[in-house]
Amino acid sequence: MIGVNVKDNESIDRAINRFKKMVTRSRILNEYKERQQYTKPSEERREALKKSIREERRRQRENY
């Protein structure tokens, strides 16, 4: 579980921003959104294949 201790002489806004950074780095929201809806294993494989193709094309563009 993620928590932020507010330090002495630290504004609440700054503590909230630190909390937001910690949440995005830990990818909690991404996992939450993924679990909102069930995806079939075949769809997961298809999406993984599409993602790998996109990444391969991007790598090829970077090499030229």
Protein backbone atom coordinates (compact mmCIF):
# COMPACT_ATOMS: atom_id res chain seq x y z
CA MET A 1 0.00 0.00 0.00
CA ILE A 2 1.28 3.45 -0.88
CA GLY A 3 1.37 6.23 1.65
CA VAL A 4 2.99 9.62 1.95
CA ASN A 5 4.09 11.21 5.19
CA VAL A 6 3.73 14.98 5.16
CA LYS A 7 7.02 16.49 6.26
CA ASP A 8 7.40 19.53 8.50
CA ASN A 9 6.96 22.81 6.61
CA GLU A 10 5.65 20.97 3.54
CA SER A 11 2.47 22.06 1.84
CA ILE A 12 -0.37 19.64 1.27
CA ASP A 13 -0.20 20.30 -2.48
CA ARG A 14 3.39 19.15 -2.64
CA ALA A 15 2.58 16.01 -0.64
CA ILE A 16 -0.33 15.25 -3.00
CA ASN A 17 1.98 15.64 -5.98
CA ARG A 18 4.48 13.22 -4.42
CA PHE A 19 1.64 10.77 -3.85
CA LYS A 20 0.50 11.06 -7.47
CA LYS A 21 4.04 10.39 -8.70
CA MET A 22 4.31 7.32 -6.48
CA VAL A 23 1.00 5.97 -7.79
CA THR A 24 1.95 6.46 -11.44
CA ARG A 25 5.38 4.88 -10.93
CA SER A 26 3.91 1.85 -9.19
CA ARG A 27 1.38 1.39 -12.03
CA ILE A 28 -1.48 0.75 -9.60
CA LEU A 29 -4.03 2.60 -11.72
CA ASN A 30 -3.02 0.69 -14.85
CA GLU A 31 -3.57 -2.61 -13.10
CA TYR A 32 -6.89 -1.37 -11.72
CA LYS A 33 -8.10 -0.39 -15.20
CA GLU A 34 -7.01 -3.73 -16.65
CA ARG A 35 -8.96 -5.61 -14.02
CA GLN A 36 -12.14 -3.62 -14.66
CA GLN A 37 -12.97 -5.71 -17.69
CA TYR A 38 -12.20 -9.33 -18.46
CA THR A 39 -10.22 -10.00 -21.61
CA LYS A 40 -10.07 -13.42 -23.15
CA PRO A 41 -6.64 -15.04 -23.38
CA SER A 42 -6.88 -15.08 -27.17
CA GLU A 43 -7.46 -11.30 -27.16
CA GLU A 44 -4.49 -10.79 -24.85
CA ARG A 45 -2.27 -12.79 -27.20
CA ARG A 46 -3.55 -10.82 -30.19
CA GLU A 47 -2.85 -7.50 -28.47
CA ALA A 48 0.61 -8.68 -27.42
CA LEU A 49 1.36 -9.65 -31.02
CA LYS A 50 0.20 -6.24 -32.27
CA LYS A 51 2.32 -4.52 -29.64
CA SER A 52 5.42 -6.50 -30.58
CA ILE A 53 4.92 -5.66 -34.27
CA ARG A 54 4.59 -1.95 -33.44
CA GLU A 55 7.72 -2.02 -31.30
CA GLU A 56 9.68 -3.83 -34.00
CA ARG A 57 8.66 -1.25 -36.60
CA ARG A 58 9.64 1.56 -34.23
CA ARG A 59 13.06 -0.03 -33.64
CA GLN A 60 13.60 -0.37 -37.38
CA ARG A 61 12.78 3.32 -37.91
CA GLU A 62 15.25 4.32 -35.19
CA ASN A 63 18.06 2.37 -36.84
CA TYR A 64 17.81 4.30 -40.10
